[in-house]
Amino acid sequence: MSEQRSQNDVFLAEIRAELGRQKISQRQLGRMLGWPTTTTYYRLNGRMALSAERLLTIATVLDVPVTSLGFQNAVASDQGVRS
């Protein structure tokens, strides 16, 4: 597994874990973000890219610091999550 892929897995796992802690479903998150259900599923399961901007938006919607979701490095380098 490449370094980029393992970092992406960390981002996505942390987002899903935070959803669990807050008892928010992927569908609910999608509604909060204005994303279709399928798009939300694909983004949170690594099938569709997440830009740094979208990662920041997720952190804002979940009301958590971006660093708590494990993507301070992506934000610093403006990389997104790619599958």
PDB file of N, CA and C in Angstrom:
ATOM      1  N   MET A   1       0.852  -1.180   0.000  1.00  0.00           N
ATOM      2  CA  MET A   1       0.000   0.000   0.000  1.00  0.00           C
ATOM      3  C   MET A   1       0.894   1.238   0.000  1.00  0.00           C
ATOM      4  N   SER A   2       0.567   2.194  -0.840  1.00  0.00           N
ATOM      5  CA  SER A   2       1.377   3.398  -0.947  1.00  0.00           C
ATOM      6  C   SER A   2       1.138   4.319   0.244  1.00  0.00           C
ATOM      7  N   GLU A   3       2.081   5.235   0.444  1.00  0.00           N
ATOM      8  CA  GLU A   3       1.966   6.228   1.512  1.00  0.00           C
ATOM      9  C   GLU A   3       0.708   7.074   1.345  1.00  0.00           C
ATOM     10  N   GLN A   4       0.429   7.504   0.089  1.00  0.00           N
ATOM     11  CA  GLN A   4      -0.757   8.324  -0.186  1.00  0.00           C
ATOM     12  C   GLN A   4      -2.024   7.553   0.166  1.00  0.00           C
ATOM     13  N   ARG A   5      -2.084   6.292  -0.229  1.00  0.00           N
ATOM     14  CA  ARG A   5      -3.279   5.486   0.036  1.00  0.00           C
ATOM     15  C   ARG A   5      -3.487   5.292   1.531  1.00  0.00           C
ATOM     16  N   SER A   6      -2.430   5.001   2.283  1.00  0.00           N
ATOM     17  CA  SER A   6      -2.591   4.792   3.714  1.00  0.00           C
ATOM     18  C   SER A   6      -3.020   6.085   4.415  1.00  0.00           C
ATOM     19  N   GLN A   7      -2.521   7.235   3.960  1.00  0.00           N
ATOM     20  CA  GLN A   7      -2.945   8.517   4.526  1.00  0.00           C
ATOM     21  C   GLN A   7      -4.424   8.759   4.231  1.00  0.00           C
ATOM     22  N   ASN A   8      -4.847   8.435   3.016  1.00  0.00           N
ATOM     23  CA  ASN A   8      -6.259   8.579   2.657  1.00  0.00           C
ATOM     24  C   ASN A   8      -7.136   7.720   3.554  1.00  0.00           C
ATOM     25  N   ASP A   9      -6.698   6.504   3.817  1.00  0.00           N
ATOM     26  CA  ASP A   9      -7.448   5.607   4.691  1.00  0.00           C
ATOM     27  C   ASP A   9      -7.611   6.208   6.082  1.00  0.00           C
ATOM     28  N   VAL A  10      -6.559   6.875   6.572  1.00  0.00           N
ATOM     29  CA  VAL A  10      -6.620   7.523   7.889  1.00  0.00           C
ATOM     30  C   VAL A  10      -7.673   8.623   7.877  1.00  0.00           C
ATOM     31  N   PHE A  11      -7.649   9.486   6.850  1.00  0.00           N
ATOM     32  CA  PHE A  11      -8.633  10.559   6.751  1.00  0.00           C
ATOM     33  C   PHE A  11     -10.049  10.006   6.805  1.00  0.00           C
ATOM     34  N   LEU A  12     -10.301   9.037   5.952  1.00  0.00           N
ATOM     35  CA  LEU A  12     -11.656   8.493   5.831  1.00  0.00           C
ATOM     36  C   LEU A  12     -12.089   7.773   7.098  1.00  0.00           C
ATOM     37  N   ALA A  13     -11.180   7.029   7.719  1.00  0.00           N
ATOM     38  CA  ALA A  13     -11.512   6.330   8.961  1.00  0.00           C
ATOM     39  C   ALA A  13     -11.834   7.322  10.070  1.00  0.00           C
ATOM     40  N   GLU A  14     -11.078   8.404  10.150  1.00  0.00           N
ATOM     41  CA  GLU A  14     -11.335   9.416  11.183  1.00  0.00           C
ATOM     42  C   GLU A  14     -12.665  10.121  10.964  1.00  0.00           C
ATOM     43  N   ILE A  15     -12.998  10.398   9.725  1.00  0.00           N
ATOM     44  CA  ILE A  15     -14.293  11.026   9.432  1.00  0.00           C
ATOM     45  C   ILE A  15     -15.420  10.081   9.832  1.00  0.00           C
ATOM     46  N   ARG A  16     -15.319   8.817   9.447  1.00  0.00           N
ATOM     47  CA  ARG A  16     -16.369   7.848   9.809  1.00  0.00           C
ATOM     48  C   ARG A  16     -16.452   7.660  11.315  1.00  0.00           C
ATOM     49  N   ALA A  17     -15.298   7.666  12.006  1.00  0.00           N
ATOM     50  CA  ALA A  17     -15.302   7.535  13.465  1.00  0.00           C
ATOM     51  C   ALA A  17     -16.001   8.734  14.116  1.00  0.00           C
ATOM     52  N   GLU A  18     -15.728   9.916  13.610  1.00  0.00           N
ATOM     53  CA  GLU A  18     -16.381  11.116  14.156  1.00  0.00           C
ATOM     54  C   GLU A  18     -17.882  11.072  13.911  1.00  0.00           C
ATOM     55  N   LEU A  19     -18.281  10.588  12.759  1.00  0.00           N
ATOM     56  CA  LEU A  19     -19.720  10.428  12.501  1.00  0.00           C
ATOM     57  C   LEU A  19     -20.332   9.497  13.537  1.00  0.00           C
ATOM     58  N   GLY A  20     -19.636   8.415  13.846  1.00  0.00           N
ATOM     59  CA  GLY A  20     -20.126   7.478  14.861  1.00  0.00           C
ATOM     60  C   GLY A  20     -20.220   8.124  16.233  1.00  0.00           C
ATOM     61  N   ARG A  21     -19.181   8.880  16.616  1.00  0.00           N
ATOM     62  CA  ARG A  21     -19.195   9.552  17.923  1.00  0.00           C
ATOM     63  C   ARG A  21     -20.369  10.518  18.036  1.00  0.00           C
ATOM     64  N   GLN A  22     -20.682  11.190  16.940  1.00  0.00           N
ATOM     65  CA  GLN A  22     -21.775  12.166  16.955  1.00  0.00           C
ATOM     66  C   GLN A  22     -23.124  11.552  16.584  1.00  0.00           C
ATOM     67  N   LYS A  23     -23.105  10.261  16.291  1.00  0.00           N
ATOM     68  CA  LYS A  23     -24.335   9.559  15.899  1.00  0.00           C
ATOM     69  C   LYS A  23     -24.991  10.207  14.683  1.00  0.00           C
ATOM     70  N   ILE A  24     -24.147  10.501  13.690  1.00  0.00           N
ATOM     71  CA  ILE A  24     -24.609  11.080  12.430  1.00  0.00           C
ATOM     72  C   ILE A  24     -24.373  10.038  11.339  1.00  0.00           C
ATOM     73  N   SER A  25     -25.392   9.754  10.565  1.00  0.00           N
ATOM     74  CA  SER A  25     -25.236   8.806   9.469  1.00  0.00           C
ATOM     75  C   SER A  25     -24.585   9.486   8.265  1.00  0.00           C
ATOM     76  N   GLN A  26     -24.070   8.668   7.349  1.00  0.00           N
ATOM     77  CA  GLN A  26     -23.520   9.216   6.117  1.00  0.00           C
ATOM     78  C   GLN A  26     -24.597   9.993   5.362  1.00  0.00           C
ATOM     79  N   ARG A  27     -25.792   9.483   5.369  1.00  0.00           N
ATOM     80  CA  ARG A  27     -26.899  10.157   4.689  1.00  0.00           C
ATOM     81  C   ARG A  27     -27.156  11.533   5.313  1.00  0.00           C
ATOM     82  N   GLN A  28     -27.150  11.594   6.655  1.00  0.00           N
ATOM     83  CA  GLN A  28     -27.359  12.875   7.332  1.00  0.00           C
ATOM     84  C   GLN A  28     -26.233  13.847   7.006  1.00  0.00           C
ATOM     85  N   LEU A  29     -24.986  13.363   7.008  1.00  0.00           N
ATOM     86  CA  LEU A  29     -23.864  14.224   6.659  1.00  0.00           C
ATOM     87  C   LEU A  29     -24.038  14.758   5.244  1.00  0.00           C
ATOM     88  N   GLY A  30     -24.426  13.896   4.326  1.00  0.00           N
ATOM     89  CA  GLY A  30     -24.650  14.330   2.954  1.00  0.00           C
ATOM     90  C   GLY A  30     -25.685  15.437   2.864  1.00  0.00           C
ATOM     91  N   ARG A  31     -26.754  15.291   3.611  1.00  0.00           N
ATOM     92  CA  ARG A  31     -27.780  16.343   3.623  1.00  0.00           C
ATOM     93  C   ARG A  31     -27.224  17.648   4.163  1.00  0.00           C
ATOM     94  N   MET A  32     -26.420  17.551   5.228  1.00  0.00           N
ATOM     95  CA  MET A  32     -25.822  18.737   5.837  1.00  0.00           C
ATOM     96  C   MET A  32     -24.879  19.444   4.857  1.00  0.00           C
ATOM     97  N   LEU A  33     -24.248  18.653   3.987  1.00  0.00           N
ATOM     98  CA  LEU A  33     -23.296  19.190   3.017  1.00  0.00           C
ATOM     99  C   LEU A  33     -23.941  19.544   1.685  1.00  0.00           C
ATOM    100  N   GLY A  34     -25.179  19.092   1.484  1.00  0.00           N
ATOM    101  CA  GLY A  34     -25.848  19.323   0.216  1.00  0.00           C
ATOM    102  C   GLY A  34     -25.390  18.368  -0.885  1.00  0.00           C
ATOM    103  N   TRP A  35     -24.868  17.216  -0.491  1.00  0.00           N
ATOM    104  CA  TRP A  35     -24.399  16.207  -1.448  1.00  0.00           C
ATOM    105  C   TRP A  35     -25.450  15.123  -1.629  1.00  0.00           C
ATOM    106  N   PRO A  36     -25.566  14.564  -2.821  1.00  0.00           N
ATOM    107  CA  PRO A  36     -26.440  13.406  -3.007  1.00  0.00           C
ATOM    108  C   PRO A  36     -25.932  12.222  -2.168  1.00  0.00           C
ATOM    109  N   THR A  37     -26.826  11.341  -1.788  1.00  0.00           N
ATOM    110  CA  THR A  37     -26.476  10.187  -0.963  1.00  0.00           C
ATOM    111  C   THR A  37     -25.358   9.361  -1.588  1.00  0.00           C
ATOM    112  N   THR A  38     -25.450   9.094  -2.876  1.00  0.00           N
ATOM    113  CA  THR A  38     -24.438   8.281  -3.549  1.00  0.00           C
ATOM    114  C   THR A  38     -23.075   8.962  -3.514  1.00  0.00           C
ATOM    115  N   THR A  39     -23.044  10.253  -3.755  1.00  0.00           N
ATOM    116  CA  THR A  39     -21.788  11.005  -3.721  1.00  0.00           C
ATOM    117  C   THR A  39     -21.157  10.929  -2.337  1.00  0.00           C
ATOM    118  N   THR A  40     -21.964  11.104  -1.311  1.00  0.00           N
ATOM    119  CA  THR A  40     -21.459  11.035   0.063  1.00  0.00           C
ATOM    120  C   THR A  40     -20.869   9.658   0.329  1.00  0.00           C
ATOM    121  N   TYR A  41     -21.581   8.603  -0.035  1.00  0.00           N
ATOM    122  CA  TYR A  41     -21.095   7.237   0.167  1.00  0.00           C
ATOM    123  C   TYR A  41     -19.768   7.037  -0.555  1.00  0.00           C
ATOM    124  N   TYR A  42     -19.692   7.422  -1.807  1.00  0.00           N
ATOM    125  CA  TYR A  42     -18.470   7.226  -2.589  1.00  0.00           C
ATOM    126  C   TYR A  42     -17.298   8.018  -2.005  1.00  0.00           C
ATOM    127  N   ARG A  43     -17.552   9.233  -1.569  1.00  0.00           N
ATOM    128  CA  ARG A  43     -16.467  10.043  -1.004  1.00  0.00           C
ATOM    129  C   ARG A  43     -15.978   9.464   0.320  1.00  0.00           C
ATOM    130  N   LEU A  44     -16.877   9.006   1.162  1.00  0.00           N
ATOM    131  CA  LEU A  44     -16.468   8.490   2.469  1.00  0.00           C
ATOM    132  C   LEU A  44     -15.928   7.067   2.407  1.00  0.00           C
ATOM    133  N   ASN A  45     -16.028   6.439   1.271  1.00  0.00           N
ATOM    134  CA  ASN A  45     -15.483   5.090   1.111  1.00  0.00           C
ATOM    135  C   ASN A  45     -14.329   5.043   0.116  1.00  0.00           C
ATOM    136  N   GLY A  46     -13.808   6.219  -0.252  1.00  0.00           N
ATOM    137  CA  GLY A  46     -12.616   6.296  -1.065  1.00  0.00           C
ATOM    138  C   GLY A  46     -12.797   6.044  -2.546  1.00  0.00           C
ATOM    139  N   ARG A  47     -14.019   5.963  -3.002  1.00  0.00           N
ATOM    140  CA  ARG A  47     -14.263   5.735  -4.429  1.00  0.00           C
ATOM    141  C   ARG A  47     -14.272   7.027  -5.237  1.00  0.00           C
ATOM    142  N   MET A  48     -14.413   8.142  -4.549  1.00  0.00           N
ATOM    143  CA  MET A  48     -14.449   9.452  -5.193  1.00  0.00           C
ATOM    144  C   MET A  48     -13.529  10.375  -4.394  1.00  0.00           C
ATOM    145  N   ALA A  49     -12.818  11.229  -5.093  1.00  0.00           N
ATOM    146  CA  ALA A  49     -11.841  12.114  -4.449  1.00  0.00           C
ATOM    147  C   ALA A  49     -12.504  13.129  -3.522  1.00  0.00           C
ATOM    148  N   LEU A  50     -11.782  13.450  -2.469  1.00  0.00           N
ATOM    149  CA  LEU A  50     -12.156  14.532  -1.560  1.00  0.00           C
ATOM    150  C   LEU A  50     -11.037  15.556  -1.602  1.00  0.00           C
ATOM    151  N   SER A  51     -11.344  16.765  -1.971  1.00  0.00           N
ATOM    152  CA  SER A  51     -10.333  17.825  -1.982  1.00  0.00           C
ATOM    153  C   SER A  51     -10.105  18.319  -0.554  1.00  0.00           C
ATOM    154  N   ALA A  52      -9.035  19.052  -0.368  1.00  0.00           N
ATOM    155  CA  ALA A  52      -8.760  19.656   0.939  1.00  0.00           C
ATOM    156  C   ALA A  52      -9.904  20.584   1.342  1.00  0.00           C
ATOM    157  N   GLU A  53     -10.466  21.292   0.364  1.00  0.00           N
ATOM    158  CA  GLU A  53     -11.592  22.179   0.652  1.00  0.00           C
ATOM    159  C   GLU A  53     -12.787  21.390   1.195  1.00  0.00           C
ATOM    160  N   ARG A  54     -13.076  20.246   0.593  1.00  0.00           N
ATOM    161  CA  ARG A  54     -14.198  19.420   1.074  1.00  0.00           C
ATOM    162  C   ARG A  54     -13.906  18.845   2.449  1.00  0.00           C
ATOM    163  N   LEU A  55     -12.651  18.479   2.698  1.00  0.00           N
ATOM    164  CA  LEU A  55     -12.273  17.983   4.021  1.00  0.00           C
ATOM    165  C   LEU A  55     -12.490  19.062   5.077  1.00  0.00           C
ATOM    166  N   LEU A  56     -12.116  20.284   4.752  1.00  0.00           N
ATOM    167  CA  LEU A  56     -12.338  21.393   5.677  1.00  0.00           C
ATOM    168  C   LEU A  56     -13.829  21.636   5.910  1.00  0.00           C
ATOM    169  N   THR A  57     -14.612  21.506   4.858  1.00  0.00           N
ATOM    170  CA  THR A  57     -16.060  21.685   4.978  1.00  0.00           C
ATOM    171  C   THR A  57     -16.658  20.623   5.893  1.00  0.00           C
ATOM    172  N   ILE A  58     -16.207  19.384   5.750  1.00  0.00           N
ATOM    173  CA  ILE A  58     -16.695  18.306   6.615  1.00  0.00           C
ATOM    174  C   ILE A  58     -16.362  18.624   8.069  1.00  0.00           C
ATOM    175  N   ALA A  59     -15.127  19.045   8.338  1.00  0.00           N
ATOM    176  CA  ALA A  59     -14.731  19.387   9.706  1.00  0.00           C
ATOM    177  C   ALA A  59     -15.605  20.511  10.255  1.00  0.00           C
ATOM    178  N   THR A  60     -15.888  21.504   9.425  1.00  0.00           N
ATOM    179  CA  THR A  60     -16.722  22.626   9.855  1.00  0.00           C
ATOM    180  C   THR A  60     -18.137  22.155  10.176  1.00  0.00           C
ATOM    181  N   VAL A  61     -18.707  21.347   9.294  1.00  0.00           N
ATOM    182  CA  VAL A  61     -20.074  20.848   9.508  1.00  0.00           C
ATOM    183  C   VAL A  61     -20.145  19.976  10.767  1.00  0.00           C
ATOM    184  N   LEU A  62     -19.096  19.185  11.017  1.00  0.00           N
ATOM    185  CA  LEU A  62     -19.073  18.330  12.207  1.00  0.00           C
ATOM    186  C   LEU A  62     -18.643  19.098  13.457  1.00  0.00           C
ATOM    187  N   ASP A  63     -18.231  20.364  13.275  1.00  0.00           N
ATOM    188  CA  ASP A  63     -17.812  21.238  14.375  1.00  0.00           C
ATOM    189  C   ASP A  63     -16.650  20.630  15.159  1.00  0.00           C
ATOM    190  N   VAL A  64     -15.643  20.181  14.417  1.00  0.00           N
ATOM    191  CA  VAL A  64     -14.428  19.634  15.026  1.00  0.00           C
ATOM    192  C   VAL A  64     -13.220  20.298  14.371  1.00  0.00           C
ATOM    193  N   PRO A  65     -12.106  20.386  15.090  1.00  0.00           N
ATOM    194  CA  PRO A  65     -10.901  20.926  14.464  1.00  0.00           C
ATOM    195  C   PRO A  65     -10.438  20.001  13.346  1.00  0.00           C
ATOM    196  N   VAL A  66      -9.962  20.571  12.280  1.00  0.00           N
ATOM    197  CA  VAL A  66      -9.513  19.778  11.138  1.00  0.00           C
ATOM    198  C   VAL A  66      -8.430  18.784  11.554  1.00  0.00           C
ATOM    199  N   THR A  67      -7.610  19.154  12.515  1.00  0.00           N
ATOM    200  CA  THR A  67      -6.535  18.259  12.952  1.00  0.00           C
ATOM    201  C   THR A  67      -7.065  17.012  13.655  1.00  0.00           C
ATOM    202  N   SER A  68      -8.248  17.085  14.236  1.00  0.00           N
ATOM    203  CA  SER A  68      -8.804  15.910  14.914  1.00  0.00           C
ATOM    204  C   SER A  68      -9.215  14.829  13.924  1.00  0.00           C
ATOM    205  N   LEU A  69      -9.378  15.206  12.664  1.00  0.00           N
ATOM    206  CA  LEU A  69      -9.745  14.235  11.639  1.00  0.00           C
ATOM    207  C   LEU A  69      -8.518  13.719  10.885  1.00  0.00           C
ATOM    208  N   GLY A  70      -7.333  14.124  11.321  1.00  0.00           N
ATOM    209  CA  GLY A  70      -6.110  13.556  10.781  1.00  0.00           C
ATOM    210  C   GLY A  70      -5.645  14.123   9.462  1.00  0.00           C
ATOM    211  N   PHE A  71      -6.159  15.263   9.044  1.00  0.00           N
ATOM    212  CA  PHE A  71      -5.710  15.761   7.758  1.00  0.00           C
ATOM    213  C   PHE A  71      -5.015  17.109   7.789  1.00  0.00           C
ATOM    214  N   GLN A  72      -4.261  17.366   8.825  1.00  0.00           N
ATOM    215  CA  GLN A  72      -3.478  18.597   8.852  1.00  0.00           C
ATOM    216  C   GLN A  72      -2.420  18.603   7.755  1.00  0.00           C
ATOM    217  N   ASN A  73      -1.847  17.452   7.410  1.00  0.00           N
ATOM    218  CA  ASN A  73      -0.839  17.398   6.349  1.00  0.00           C
ATOM    219  C   ASN A  73      -1.447  17.675   4.983  1.00  0.00           C
ATOM    220  N   ALA A  74      -2.636  17.164   4.724  1.00  0.00           N
ATOM    221  CA  ALA A  74      -3.290  17.399   3.438  1.00  0.00           C
ATOM    222  C   ALA A  74      -3.652  18.864   3.291  1.00  0.00           C
ATOM    223  N   VAL A  75      -4.101  19.467   4.362  1.00  0.00           N
ATOM    224  CA  VAL A  75      -4.465  20.879   4.306  1.00  0.00           C
ATOM    225  C   VAL A  75      -3.218  21.722   4.062  1.00  0.00           C
ATOM    226  N   ALA A  76      -2.131  21.382   4.737  1.00  0.00           N
ATOM    227  CA  ALA A  76      -0.895  22.146   4.576  1.00  0.00           C
ATOM    228  C   ALA A  76      -0.367  22.068   3.159  1.00  0.00           C
ATOM    229  N   SER A  77      -0.543  20.901   2.506  1.00  0.00           N
ATOM    230  CA  SER A  77      -0.006  20.748   1.149  1.00  0.00           C
ATOM    231  C   SER A  77      -1.084  20.870   0.091  1.00  0.00           C
ATOM    232  N   ASP A  78      -2.358  21.117   0.519  1.00  0.00           N
ATOM    233  CA  ASP A  78      -3.497  21.259  -0.385  1.00  0.00           C
ATOM    234  C   ASP A  78      -3.720  20.019  -1.238  1.00  0.00           C
ATOM    235  N   GLN A  79      -3.502  18.849  -0.654  1.00  0.00           N
ATOM    236  CA  GLN A  79      -3.788  17.589  -1.335  1.00  0.00           C
ATOM    237  C   GLN A  79      -5.163  17.118  -0.913  1.00  0.00           C
ATOM    238  N   GLY A  80      -5.816  16.384  -1.781  1.00  0.00           N
ATOM    239  CA  GLY A  80      -7.100  15.803  -1.457  1.00  0.00           C
ATOM    240  C   GLY A  80      -6.980  14.306  -1.270  1.00  0.00           C
ATOM    241  N   VAL A  81      -8.057  13.704  -0.869  1.00  0.00           N
ATOM    242  CA  VAL A  81      -8.112  12.252  -0.716  1.00  0.00           C
ATOM    243  C   VAL A  81      -8.465  11.668  -2.064  1.00  0.00           C
ATOM    244  N   ARG A  82      -7.715  10.741  -2.505  1.00  0.00           N
ATOM    245  CA  ARG A  82      -7.965  10.077  -3.792  1.00  0.00           C
ATOM    246  C   ARG A  82      -7.994   8.582  -3.587  1.00  0.00           C
ATOM    247  N   SER A  83      -8.799   7.931  -4.392  1.00  0.00           N
ATOM    248  CA  SER A  83      -8.853   6.476  -4.299  1.00  0.00           C
ATOM    249  C   SER A  83      -7.901   5.846  -5.272  1.00  0.00           C
TER     250      SER A  83
END
